Amino acid sequence: MEKYYQAIADFHKKYKMKGTNNEDMTFRLNLLIEELGELAQAVTKGKLRKEVIEENIDLLNLVIGNFVSLGAGLDEIDKAFWEKHEKIMNRKKKKLKSGKYRVSEFRK
């Protein structure tokens, strides 16, 4: 994670994103939505595995960029990851009406 984080931090620095709309979370959310749409197209249109991986990398780069934009350091990200991981590891798996399974926080 450290190498990925540093690579994206270097990208932000190279293109002078600090204090610009490029670090605005609403702007970044729109980028994530756009990239998620591209991933959806790659999956639903049966694109090659390589293309599906590339679309996931675009999302990963944006998510890491969100952390950089927020000024979240690696220790903070690591702590938040493991706290969330513990929560999801304690969830129940539920069979949906469709017959498929999902592991989520189910609310009544």
PDB file of N, CA and C in Angstrom:
ATOM      1  N   MET A   1       0.831  -1.203   0.000  1.00  0.00           N
ATOM      2  CA  MET A   1       0.000   0.000   0.000  1.00  0.00           C
ATOM      3  C   MET A   1       0.869   1.257   0.000  1.00  0.00           C
ATOM      4  N   GLU A   2       1.993   1.182   0.699  1.00  0.00           N
ATOM      5  CA  GLU A   2       2.838   2.368   0.806  1.00  0.00           C
ATOM      6  C   GLU A   2       3.333   2.842  -0.566  1.00  0.00           C
ATOM      7  N   LYS A   3       3.730   1.890  -1.420  1.00  0.00           N
ATOM      8  CA  LYS A   3       4.214   2.260  -2.761  1.00  0.00           C
ATOM      9  C   LYS A   3       3.095   2.873  -3.598  1.00  0.00           C
ATOM     10  N   TYR A   4       1.891   2.305  -3.502  1.00  0.00           N
ATOM     11  CA  TYR A   4       0.753   2.831  -4.253  1.00  0.00           C
ATOM     12  C   TYR A   4       0.406   4.240  -3.772  1.00  0.00           C
ATOM     13  N   TYR A   5       0.368   4.397  -2.448  1.00  0.00           N
ATOM     14  CA  TYR A   5       0.039   5.696  -1.858  1.00  0.00           C
ATOM     15  C   TYR A   5       1.050   6.745  -2.322  1.00  0.00           C
ATOM     16  N   GLN A   6       2.331   6.405  -2.248  1.00  0.00           N
ATOM     17  CA  GLN A   6       3.371   7.358  -2.642  1.00  0.00           C
ATOM     18  C   GLN A   6       3.275   7.704  -4.122  1.00  0.00           C
ATOM     19  N   ALA A   7       2.962   6.707  -4.950  1.00  0.00           N
ATOM     20  CA  ALA A   7       2.824   6.960  -6.393  1.00  0.00           C
ATOM     21  C   ALA A   7       1.696   7.950  -6.663  1.00  0.00           C
ATOM     22  N   ILE A   8       0.581   7.791  -5.984  1.00  0.00           N
ATOM     23  CA  ILE A   8      -0.551   8.697  -6.198  1.00  0.00           C
ATOM     24  C   ILE A   8      -0.262  10.061  -5.578  1.00  0.00           C
ATOM     25  N   ALA A   9       0.414  10.088  -4.430  1.00  0.00           N
ATOM     26  CA  ALA A   9       0.813  11.365  -3.829  1.00  0.00           C
ATOM     27  C   ALA A   9       1.747  12.116  -4.785  1.00  0.00           C
ATOM     28  N   ASP A  10       2.650  11.387  -5.428  1.00  0.00           N
ATOM     29  CA  ASP A  10       3.554  12.001  -6.410  1.00  0.00           C
ATOM     30  C   ASP A  10       2.772  12.559  -7.602  1.00  0.00           C
ATOM     31  N   PHE A  11       1.747  11.828  -8.034  1.00  0.00           N
ATOM     32  CA  PHE A  11       0.879  12.284  -9.127  1.00  0.00           C
ATOM     33  C   PHE A  11       0.199  13.602  -8.743  1.00  0.00           C
ATOM     34  N   HIS A  12      -0.350  13.651  -7.519  1.00  0.00           N
ATOM     35  CA  HIS A  12      -1.017  14.868  -7.041  1.00  0.00           C
ATOM     36  C   HIS A  12      -0.036  16.036  -6.986  1.00  0.00           C
ATOM     37  N   LYS A  13       1.182  15.745  -6.543  1.00  0.00           N
ATOM     38  CA  LYS A  13       2.197  16.795  -6.436  1.00  0.00           C
ATOM     39  C   LYS A  13       2.622  17.281  -7.826  1.00  0.00           C
ATOM     40  N   LYS A  14       2.863  16.338  -8.739  1.00  0.00           N
ATOM     41  CA  LYS A  14       3.301  16.698 -10.093  1.00  0.00           C
ATOM     42  C   LYS A  14       2.299  17.619 -10.774  1.00  0.00           C
ATOM     43  N   TYR A  15       1.017  17.330 -10.605  1.00  0.00           N
ATOM     44  CA  TYR A  15      -0.016  18.113 -11.270  1.00  0.00           C
ATOM     45  C   TYR A  15      -0.617  19.198 -10.373  1.00  0.00           C
ATOM     46  N   LYS A  16       0.074  19.483  -9.269  1.00  0.00           N
ATOM     47  CA  LYS A  16      -0.276  20.587  -8.366  1.00  0.00           C
ATOM     48  C   LYS A  16      -1.761  20.597  -8.013  1.00  0.00           C
ATOM     49  N   MET A  17      -2.242  19.490  -7.472  1.00  0.00           N
ATOM     50  CA  MET A  17      -3.657  19.347  -7.141  1.00  0.00           C
ATOM     51  C   MET A  17      -4.027  19.940  -5.797  1.00  0.00           C
ATOM     52  N   LYS A  18      -3.048  20.157  -4.933  1.00  0.00           N
ATOM     53  CA  LYS A  18      -3.321  20.685  -3.593  1.00  0.00           C
ATOM     54  C   LYS A  18      -4.077  22.005  -3.682  1.00  0.00           C
ATOM     55  N   GLY A  19      -5.226  22.055  -2.997  1.00  0.00           N
ATOM     56  CA  GLY A  19      -6.008  23.279  -2.936  1.00  0.00           C
ATOM     57  C   GLY A  19      -6.813  23.581  -4.191  1.00  0.00           C
ATOM     58  N   THR A  20      -6.905  22.617  -5.115  1.00  0.00           N
ATOM     59  CA  THR A  20      -7.686  22.834  -6.331  1.00  0.00           C
ATOM     60  C   THR A  20      -8.947  21.978  -6.291  1.00  0.00           C
ATOM     61  N   ASN A  21      -9.778  22.126  -7.330  1.00  0.00           N
ATOM     62  CA  ASN A  21     -10.982  21.310  -7.412  1.00  0.00           C
ATOM     63  C   ASN A  21     -10.646  19.822  -7.504  1.00  0.00           C
ATOM     64  N   ASN A  22      -9.417  19.499  -7.908  1.00  0.00           N
ATOM     65  CA  ASN A  22      -9.021  18.098  -8.019  1.00  0.00           C
ATOM     66  C   ASN A  22      -9.001  17.383  -6.674  1.00  0.00           C
ATOM     67  N   GLU A  23      -8.972  18.144  -5.588  1.00  0.00           N
ATOM     68  CA  GLU A  23      -9.011  17.531  -4.264  1.00  0.00           C
ATOM     69  C   GLU A  23     -10.373  17.719  -3.590  1.00  0.00           C
ATOM     70  N   ASP A  24     -11.306  18.293  -4.290  1.00  0.00           N
ATOM     71  CA  ASP A  24     -12.670  18.458  -3.788  1.00  0.00           C
ATOM     72  C   ASP A  24     -13.376  17.098  -3.820  1.00  0.00           C
ATOM     73  N   MET A  25     -13.954  16.693  -2.705  1.00  0.00           N
ATOM     74  CA  MET A  25     -14.550  15.357  -2.615  1.00  0.00           C
ATOM     75  C   MET A  25     -15.771  15.186  -3.521  1.00  0.00           C
ATOM     76  N   THR A  26     -16.522  16.242  -3.766  1.00  0.00           N
ATOM     77  CA  THR A  26     -17.656  16.123  -4.687  1.00  0.00           C
ATOM     78  C   THR A  26     -17.146  15.851  -6.106  1.00  0.00           C
ATOM     79  N   PHE A  27     -16.128  16.571  -6.512  1.00  0.00           N
ATOM     80  CA  PHE A  27     -15.503  16.349  -7.811  1.00  0.00           C
ATOM     81  C   PHE A  27     -14.968  14.926  -7.903  1.00  0.00           C
ATOM     82  N   ARG A  28     -14.303  14.486  -6.841  1.00  0.00           N
ATOM     83  CA  ARG A  28     -13.705  13.144  -6.835  1.00  0.00           C
ATOM     84  C   ARG A  28     -14.784  12.067  -6.844  1.00  0.00           C
ATOM     85  N   LEU A  29     -15.892  12.326  -6.174  1.00  0.00           N
ATOM     86  CA  LEU A  29     -17.009  11.381  -6.200  1.00  0.00           C
ATOM     87  C   LEU A  29     -17.526  11.209  -7.629  1.00  0.00           C
ATOM     88  N   ASN A  30     -17.631  12.309  -8.352  1.00  0.00           N
ATOM     89  CA  ASN A  30     -18.066  12.225  -9.747  1.00  0.00           C
ATOM     90  C   ASN A  30     -17.084  11.418 -10.589  1.00  0.00           C
ATOM     91  N   LEU A  31     -15.791  11.571 -10.330  1.00  0.00           N
ATOM     92  CA  LEU A  31     -14.799  10.762 -11.036  1.00  0.00           C
ATOM     93  C   LEU A  31     -14.979   9.278 -10.725  1.00  0.00           C
ATOM     94  N   LEU A  32     -15.217   8.970  -9.457  1.00  0.00           N
ATOM     95  CA  LEU A  32     -15.437   7.573  -9.061  1.00  0.00           C
ATOM     96  C   LEU A  32     -16.668   6.988  -9.755  1.00  0.00           C
ATOM     97  N   ILE A  33     -17.727   7.765  -9.825  1.00  0.00           N
ATOM     98  CA  ILE A  33     -18.957   7.305 -10.484  1.00  0.00           C
ATOM     99  C   ILE A  33     -18.684   7.033 -11.966  1.00  0.00           C
ATOM    100  N   GLU A  34     -17.962   7.940 -12.598  1.00  0.00           N
ATOM    101  CA  GLU A  34     -17.613   7.765 -14.012  1.00  0.00           C
ATOM    102  C   GLU A  34     -16.805   6.481 -14.213  1.00  0.00           C
ATOM    103  N   GLU A  35     -15.801   6.285 -13.374  1.00  0.00           N
ATOM    104  CA  GLU A  35     -14.950   5.095 -13.502  1.00  0.00           C
ATOM    105  C   GLU A  35     -15.713   3.822 -13.159  1.00  0.00           C
ATOM    106  N   LEU A  36     -16.615   3.897 -12.196  1.00  0.00           N
ATOM    107  CA  LEU A  36     -17.437   2.736 -11.861  1.00  0.00           C
ATOM    108  C   LEU A  36     -18.316   2.354 -13.055  1.00  0.00           C
ATOM    109  N   GLY A  37     -18.814   3.358 -13.756  1.00  0.00           N
ATOM    110  CA  GLY A  37     -19.590   3.099 -14.968  1.00  0.00           C
ATOM    111  C   GLY A  37     -18.752   2.392 -16.027  1.00  0.00           C
ATOM    112  N   GLU A  38     -17.498   2.801 -16.157  1.00  0.00           N
ATOM    113  CA  GLU A  38     -16.610   2.148 -17.118  1.00  0.00           C
ATOM    114  C   GLU A  38     -16.335   0.704 -16.714  1.00  0.00           C
ATOM    115  N   LEU A  39     -16.192   0.459 -15.418  1.00  0.00           N
ATOM    116  CA  LEU A  39     -16.016  -0.916 -14.934  1.00  0.00           C
ATOM    117  C   LEU A  39     -17.271  -1.735 -15.219  1.00  0.00           C
ATOM    118  N   ALA A  40     -18.429  -1.153 -14.961  1.00  0.00           N
ATOM    119  CA  ALA A  40     -19.692  -1.849 -15.217  1.00  0.00           C
ATOM    120  C   ALA A  40     -19.803  -2.238 -16.688  1.00  0.00           C
ATOM    121  N   GLN A  41     -19.433  -1.339 -17.569  1.00  0.00           N
ATOM    122  CA  GLN A  41     -19.470  -1.648 -19.001  1.00  0.00           C
ATOM    123  C   GLN A  41     -18.507  -2.771 -19.351  1.00  0.00           C
ATOM    124  N   ALA A  42     -17.313  -2.714 -18.788  1.00  0.00           N
ATOM    125  CA  ALA A  42     -16.326  -3.763 -19.078  1.00  0.00           C
ATOM    126  C   ALA A  42     -16.836  -5.131 -18.644  1.00  0.00           C
ATOM    127  N   VAL A  43     -17.483  -5.177 -17.486  1.00  0.00           N
ATOM    128  CA  VAL A  43     -17.995  -6.446 -16.957  1.00  0.00           C
ATOM    129  C   VAL A  43     -19.208  -6.912 -17.753  1.00  0.00           C
ATOM    130  N   THR A  44     -20.178  -6.034 -17.937  1.00  0.00           N
ATOM    131  CA  THR A  44     -21.429  -6.449 -18.576  1.00  0.00           C
ATOM    132  C   THR A  44     -21.269  -6.724 -20.067  1.00  0.00           C
ATOM    133  N   LYS A  45     -20.263  -6.136 -20.682  1.00  0.00           N
ATOM    134  CA  LYS A  45     -20.030  -6.378 -22.110  1.00  0.00           C
ATOM    135  C   LYS A  45     -19.014  -7.488 -22.350  1.00  0.00           C
ATOM    136  N   GLY A  46     -18.622  -8.157 -21.262  1.00  0.00           N
ATOM    137  CA  GLY A  46     -17.720  -9.298 -21.392  1.00  0.00           C
ATOM    138  C   GLY A  46     -16.334  -8.949 -21.912  1.00  0.00           C
ATOM    139  N   LYS A  47     -15.841  -7.796 -21.515  1.00  0.00           N
ATOM    140  CA  LYS A  47     -14.498  -7.381 -21.947  1.00  0.00           C
ATOM    141  C   LYS A  47     -13.449  -8.333 -21.377  1.00  0.00           C
ATOM    142  N   LEU A  48     -12.269  -8.247 -21.931  1.00  0.00           N
ATOM    143  CA  LEU A  48     -11.169  -9.094 -21.489  1.00  0.00           C
ATOM    144  C   LEU A  48     -10.820  -8.827 -20.022  1.00  0.00           C
ATOM    145  N   ARG A  49     -10.333  -9.851 -19.368  1.00  0.00           N
ATOM    146  CA  ARG A  49      -9.911  -9.755 -17.958  1.00  0.00           C
ATOM    147  C   ARG A  49      -8.971  -8.571 -17.754  1.00  0.00           C
ATOM    148  N   LYS A  50      -8.029  -8.391 -18.685  1.00  0.00           N
ATOM    149  CA  LYS A  50      -7.059  -7.293 -18.596  1.00  0.00           C
ATOM    150  C   LYS A  50      -7.769  -5.938 -18.522  1.00  0.00           C
ATOM    151  N   GLU A  51      -8.835  -5.773 -19.301  1.00  0.00           N
ATOM    152  CA  GLU A  51      -9.577  -4.510 -19.303  1.00  0.00           C
ATOM    153  C   GLU A  51     -10.357  -4.321 -18.008  1.00  0.00           C
ATOM    154  N   VAL A  52     -10.905  -5.403 -17.467  1.00  0.00           N
ATOM    155  CA  VAL A  52     -11.618  -5.329 -16.183  1.00  0.00           C
ATOM    156  C   VAL A  52     -10.634  -4.953 -15.077  1.00  0.00           C
ATOM    157  N   ILE A  53      -9.447  -5.534 -15.113  1.00  0.00           N
ATOM    158  CA  ILE A  53      -8.419  -5.184 -14.123  1.00  0.00           C
ATOM    159  C   ILE A  53      -8.040  -3.717 -14.253  1.00  0.00           C
ATOM    160  N   GLU A  54      -7.866  -3.243 -15.481  1.00  0.00           N
ATOM    161  CA  GLU A  54      -7.494  -1.841 -15.692  1.00  0.00           C
ATOM    162  C   GLU A  54      -8.546  -0.890 -15.126  1.00  0.00           C
ATOM    163  N   GLU A  55      -9.820  -1.215 -15.316  1.00  0.00           N
ATOM    164  CA  GLU A  55     -10.881  -0.358 -14.774  1.00  0.00           C
ATOM    165  C   GLU A  55     -10.865  -0.377 -13.248  1.00  0.00           C
ATOM    166  N   ASN A  56     -10.561  -1.526 -12.656  1.00  0.00           N
ATOM    167  CA  ASN A  56     -10.429  -1.601 -11.193  1.00  0.00           C
ATOM    168  C   ASN A  56      -9.244  -0.775 -10.714  1.00  0.00           C
ATOM    169  N   ILE A  57      -8.163  -0.769 -11.479  1.00  0.00           N
ATOM    170  CA  ILE A  57      -6.995   0.039 -11.112  1.00  0.00           C
ATOM    171  C   ILE A  57      -7.349   1.521 -11.155  1.00  0.00           C
ATOM    172  N   ASP A  58      -8.151   1.922 -12.148  1.00  0.00           N
ATOM    173  CA  ASP A  58      -8.594   3.323 -12.182  1.00  0.00           C
ATOM    174  C   ASP A  58      -9.327   3.683 -10.888  1.00  0.00           C
ATOM    175  N   LEU A  59     -10.191   2.788 -10.428  1.00  0.00           N
ATOM    176  CA  LEU A  59     -10.920   3.028  -9.174  1.00  0.00           C
ATOM    177  C   LEU A  59      -9.963   3.053  -7.985  1.00  0.00           C
ATOM    178  N   LEU A  60      -9.029   2.111  -7.953  1.00  0.00           N
ATOM    179  CA  LEU A  60      -8.051   2.068  -6.855  1.00  0.00           C
ATOM    180  C   LEU A  60      -7.246   3.361  -6.804  1.00  0.00           C
ATOM    181  N   ASN A  61      -6.803   3.833  -7.967  1.00  0.00           N
ATOM    182  CA  ASN A  61      -6.051   5.091  -8.007  1.00  0.00           C
ATOM    183  C   ASN A  61      -6.871   6.247  -7.455  1.00  0.00           C
ATOM    184  N   LEU A  62      -8.150   6.296  -7.805  1.00  0.00           N
ATOM    185  CA  LEU A  62      -9.002   7.370  -7.295  1.00  0.00           C
ATOM    186  C   LEU A  62      -9.243   7.254  -5.799  1.00  0.00           C
ATOM    187  N   VAL A  63      -9.440   6.040  -5.307  1.00  0.00           N
ATOM    188  CA  VAL A  63      -9.656   5.853  -3.867  1.00  0.00           C
ATOM    189  C   VAL A  63      -8.400   6.277  -3.099  1.00  0.00           C
ATOM    190  N   ILE A  64      -7.249   5.854  -3.574  1.00  0.00           N
ATOM    191  CA  ILE A  64      -6.008   6.276  -2.905  1.00  0.00           C
ATOM    192  C   ILE A  64      -5.868   7.790  -3.008  1.00  0.00           C
ATOM    193  N   GLY A  65      -6.237   8.356  -4.152  1.00  0.00           N
ATOM    194  CA  GLY A  65      -6.211   9.812  -4.315  1.00  0.00           C
ATOM    195  C   GLY A  65      -7.133  10.519  -3.341  1.00  0.00           C
ATOM    196  N   ASN A  66      -8.248   9.872  -2.999  1.00  0.00           N
ATOM    197  CA  ASN A  66      -9.139  10.444  -1.987  1.00  0.00           C
ATOM    198  C   ASN A  66      -8.413  10.565  -0.656  1.00  0.00           C
ATOM    199  N   PHE A  67      -7.678   9.525  -0.280  1.00  0.00           N
ATOM    200  CA  PHE A  67      -6.921   9.577   0.971  1.00  0.00           C
ATOM    201  C   PHE A  67      -5.876  10.687   0.935  1.00  0.00           C
ATOM    202  N   VAL A  68      -5.174  10.785  -0.196  1.00  0.00           N
ATOM    203  CA  VAL A  68      -4.167  11.844  -0.347  1.00  0.00           C
ATOM    204  C   VAL A  68      -4.840  13.212  -0.227  1.00  0.00           C
ATOM    205  N   SER A  69      -5.967  13.379  -0.914  1.00  0.00           N
ATOM    206  CA  SER A  69      -6.685  14.655  -0.890  1.00  0.00           C
ATOM    207  C   SER A  69      -7.170  15.018   0.507  1.00  0.00           C
ATOM    208  N   LEU A  70      -7.546  14.006   1.267  1.00  0.00           N
ATOM    209  CA  LEU A  70      -8.007  14.237   2.642  1.00  0.00           C
ATOM    210  C   LEU A  70      -6.859  14.452   3.625  1.00  0.00           C
ATOM    211  N   GLY A  71      -5.644  14.178   3.166  1.00  0.00           N
ATOM    212  CA  GLY A  71      -4.494  14.278   4.061  1.00  0.00           C
ATOM    213  C   GLY A  71      -4.412  13.119   5.036  1.00  0.00           C
ATOM    214  N   ALA A  72      -5.056  12.006   4.697  1.00  0.00           N
ATOM    215  CA  ALA A  72      -5.028  10.817   5.552  1.00  0.00           C
ATOM    216  C   ALA A  72      -3.720  10.073   5.319  1.00  0.00           C
ATOM    217  N   GLY A  73      -2.975   9.867   6.388  1.00  0.00           N
ATOM    218  CA  GLY A  73      -1.709   9.159   6.289  1.00  0.00           C
ATOM    219  C   GLY A  73      -1.900   7.651   6.340  1.00  0.00           C
ATOM    220  N   LEU A  74      -0.820   6.936   6.072  1.00  0.00           N
ATOM    221  CA  LEU A  74      -0.878   5.480   6.023  1.00  0.00           C
ATOM    222  C   LEU A  74      -1.312   4.854   7.345  1.00  0.00           C
ATOM    223  N   ASP A  75      -0.874   5.400   8.452  1.00  0.00           N
ATOM    224  CA  ASP A  75      -1.278   4.847   9.759  1.00  0.00           C
ATOM    225  C   ASP A  75      -2.783   4.989   9.970  1.00  0.00           C
ATOM    226  N   GLU A  76      -3.319   6.137   9.614  1.00  0.00           N
ATOM    227  CA  GLU A  76      -4.755   6.379   9.764  1.00  0.00           C
ATOM    228  C   GLU A  76      -5.559   5.443   8.848  1.00  0.00           C
ATOM    229  N   ILE A  77      -5.088   5.278   7.620  1.00  0.00           N
ATOM    230  CA  ILE A  77      -5.763   4.393   6.671  1.00  0.00           C
ATOM    231  C   ILE A  77      -5.701   2.948   7.161  1.00  0.00           C
ATOM    232  N   ASP A  78      -4.540   2.535   7.629  1.00  0.00           N
ATOM    233  CA  ASP A  78      -4.363   1.165   8.131  1.00  0.00           C
ATOM    234  C   ASP A  78      -5.295   0.889   9.304  1.00  0.00           C
ATOM    235  N   LYS A  79      -5.366   1.813  10.224  1.00  0.00           N
ATOM    236  CA  LYS A  79      -6.236   1.651  11.395  1.00  0.00           C
ATOM    237  C   LYS A  79      -7.704   1.561  10.965  1.00  0.00           C
ATOM    238  N   ALA A  80      -8.117   2.462  10.079  1.00  0.00           N
ATOM    239  CA  ALA A  80      -9.504   2.465   9.610  1.00  0.00           C
ATOM    240  C   ALA A  80      -9.831   1.184   8.839  1.00  0.00           C
ATOM    241  N   PHE A  81      -8.869   0.707   8.046  1.00  0.00           N
ATOM    242  CA  PHE A  81      -9.086  -0.528   7.294  1.00  0.00           C
ATOM    243  C   PHE A  81      -9.361  -1.693   8.235  1.00  0.00           C
ATOM    244  N   TRP A  82      -8.506  -1.861   9.238  1.00  0.00           N
ATOM    245  CA  TRP A  82      -8.647  -3.016  10.131  1.00  0.00           C
ATOM    246  C   TRP A  82      -9.881  -2.915  11.019  1.00  0.00           C
ATOM    247  N   GLU A  83     -10.269  -1.698  11.400  1.00  0.00           N
ATOM    248  CA  GLU A  83     -11.519  -1.533  12.155  1.00  0.00           C
ATOM    249  C   GLU A  83     -12.707  -1.968  11.311  1.00  0.00           C
ATOM    250  N   LYS A  84     -12.739  -1.532  10.047  1.00  0.00           N
ATOM    251  CA  LYS A  84     -13.828  -1.913   9.150  1.00  0.00           C
ATOM    252  C   LYS A  84     -13.778  -3.409   8.841  1.00  0.00           C
ATOM    253  N   HIS A  85     -12.590  -3.934   8.649  1.00  0.00           N
ATOM    254  CA  HIS A  85     -12.426  -5.357   8.358  1.00  0.00           C
ATOM    255  C   HIS A  85     -12.979  -6.221   9.492  1.00  0.00           C
ATOM    256  N   GLU A  86     -12.704  -5.807  10.710  1.00  0.00           N
ATOM    257  CA  GLU A  86     -13.229  -6.554  11.859  1.00  0.00           C
ATOM    258  C   GLU A  86     -14.756  -6.569  11.833  1.00  0.00           C
ATOM    259  N   LYS A  87     -15.355  -5.429  11.515  1.00  0.00           N
ATOM    260  CA  LYS A  87     -16.819  -5.355  11.441  1.00  0.00           C
ATOM    261  C   LYS A  87     -17.367  -6.296  10.375  1.00  0.00           C
ATOM    262  N   ILE A  88     -16.775  -6.265   9.182  1.00  0.00           N
ATOM    263  CA  ILE A  88     -17.329  -7.088   8.110  1.00  0.00           C
ATOM    264  C   ILE A  88     -17.058  -8.574   8.327  1.00  0.00           C
ATOM    265  N   MET A  89     -15.999  -8.896   9.033  1.00  0.00           N
ATOM    266  CA  MET A  89     -15.715 -10.310   9.325  1.00  0.00           C
ATOM    267  C   MET A  89     -16.708 -10.888  10.321  1.00  0.00           C
ATOM    268  N   ASN A  90     -17.394 -10.031  11.060  1.00  0.00           N
ATOM    269  CA  ASN A  90     -18.378 -10.488  12.048  1.00  0.00           C
ATOM    270  C   ASN A  90     -19.810 -10.455  11.516  1.00  0.00           C
ATOM    271  N   ARG A  91     -19.975 -10.118  10.251  1.00  0.00           N
ATOM    272  CA  ARG A  91     -21.314 -10.090   9.665  1.00  0.00           C
ATOM    273  C   ARG A  91     -21.779 -11.491   9.299  1.00  0.00           C
ATOM    274  N   LYS A  92     -23.068 -11.613   9.204  1.00  0.00           N
ATOM    275  CA  LYS A  92     -23.687 -12.862   8.781  1.00  0.00           C
ATOM    276  C   LYS A  92     -23.850 -12.851   7.263  1.00  0.00           C
ATOM    277  N   LYS A  93     -23.786 -14.036   6.681  1.00  0.00           N
ATOM    278  CA  LYS A  93     -24.066 -14.191   5.255  1.00  0.00           C
ATOM    279  C   LYS A  93     -25.554 -14.477   5.119  1.00  0.00           C
ATOM    280  N   LYS A  94     -26.205 -13.782   4.206  1.00  0.00           N
ATOM    281  CA  LYS A  94     -27.651 -13.915   4.071  1.00  0.00           C
ATOM    282  C   LYS A  94     -27.998 -14.330   2.644  1.00  0.00           C
ATOM    283  N   LYS A  95     -28.920 -15.273   2.547  1.00  0.00           N
ATOM    284  CA  LYS A  95     -29.413 -15.694   1.234  1.00  0.00           C
ATOM    285  C   LYS A  95     -30.558 -14.765   0.839  1.00  0.00           C
ATOM    286  N   LEU A  96     -30.451 -14.182  -0.335  1.00  0.00           N
ATOM    287  CA  LEU A  96     -31.458 -13.258  -0.833  1.00  0.00           C
ATOM    288  C   LEU A  96     -32.575 -14.020  -1.545  1.00  0.00           C
ATOM    289  N   LYS A  97     -33.668 -13.358  -1.805  1.00  0.00           N
ATOM    290  CA  LYS A  97     -34.791 -13.975  -2.515  1.00  0.00           C
ATOM    291  C   LYS A  97     -34.366 -14.504  -3.885  1.00  0.00           C
ATOM    292  N   SER A  98     -33.375 -13.869  -4.469  1.00  0.00           N
ATOM    293  CA  SER A  98     -32.883 -14.267  -5.788  1.00  0.00           C
ATOM    294  C   SER A  98     -32.116 -15.590  -5.737  1.00  0.00           C
ATOM    295  N   GLY A  99     -31.812 -16.043  -4.502  1.00  0.00           N
ATOM    296  CA  GLY A  99     -31.019 -17.250  -4.343  1.00  0.00           C
ATOM    297  C   GLY A  99     -29.531 -16.964  -4.217  1.00  0.00           C
ATOM    298  N   LYS A 100     -29.147 -15.711  -4.441  1.00  0.00           N
ATOM    299  CA  LYS A 100     -27.752 -15.319  -4.306  1.00  0.00           C
ATOM    300  C   LYS A 100     -27.481 -14.966  -2.849  1.00  0.00           C
ATOM    301  N   TYR A 101     -26.214 -14.891  -2.514  1.00  0.00           N
ATOM    302  CA  TYR A 101     -25.810 -14.578  -1.148  1.00  0.00           C
ATOM    303  C   TYR A 101     -25.163 -13.211  -1.082  1.00  0.00           C
ATOM    304  N   ARG A 102     -25.268 -12.616   0.092  1.00  0.00           N
ATOM    305  CA  ARG A 102     -24.670 -11.313   0.322  1.00  0.00           C
ATOM    306  C   ARG A 102     -24.220 -11.219   1.774  1.00  0.00           C
ATOM    307  N   VAL A 103     -23.105 -10.572   1.964  1.00  0.00           N
ATOM    308  CA  VAL A 103     -22.615 -10.294   3.307  1.00  0.00           C
ATOM    309  C   VAL A 103     -22.650  -8.775   3.466  1.00  0.00           C
ATOM    310  N   SER A 104     -23.623  -8.303   4.187  1.00  0.00           N
ATOM    311  CA  SER A 104     -23.826  -6.877   4.380  1.00  0.00           C
ATOM    312  C   SER A 104     -24.374  -6.643   5.778  1.00  0.00           C
ATOM    313  N   GLU A 105     -24.449  -5.382   6.123  1.00  0.00           N
ATOM    314  CA  GLU A 105     -25.106  -5.005   7.358  1.00  0.00           C
ATOM    315  C   GLU A 105     -26.582  -4.862   7.020  1.00  0.00           C
ATOM    316  N   PHE A 106     -27.383  -5.829   7.426  1.00  0.00           N
ATOM    317  CA  PHE A 106     -28.798  -5.828   7.092  1.00  0.00           C
ATOM    318  C   PHE A 106     -29.578  -5.108   8.173  1.00  0.00           C
ATOM    319  N   ARG A 107     -30.379  -4.162   7.728  1.00  0.00           N
ATOM    320  CA  ARG A 107     -31.222  -3.402   8.659  1.00  0.00           C
ATOM    321  C   ARG A 107     -32.667  -3.765   8.396  1.00  0.00           C
ATOM    322  N   LYS A 108     -33.444  -3.757   9.461  1.00  0.00           N
ATOM    323  CA  LYS A 108     -34.868  -4.073   9.331  1.00  0.00           C
ATOM    324  C   LYS A 108     -35.660  -2.837   9.029  1.00  0.00           C
TER     325      LYS A 108
END
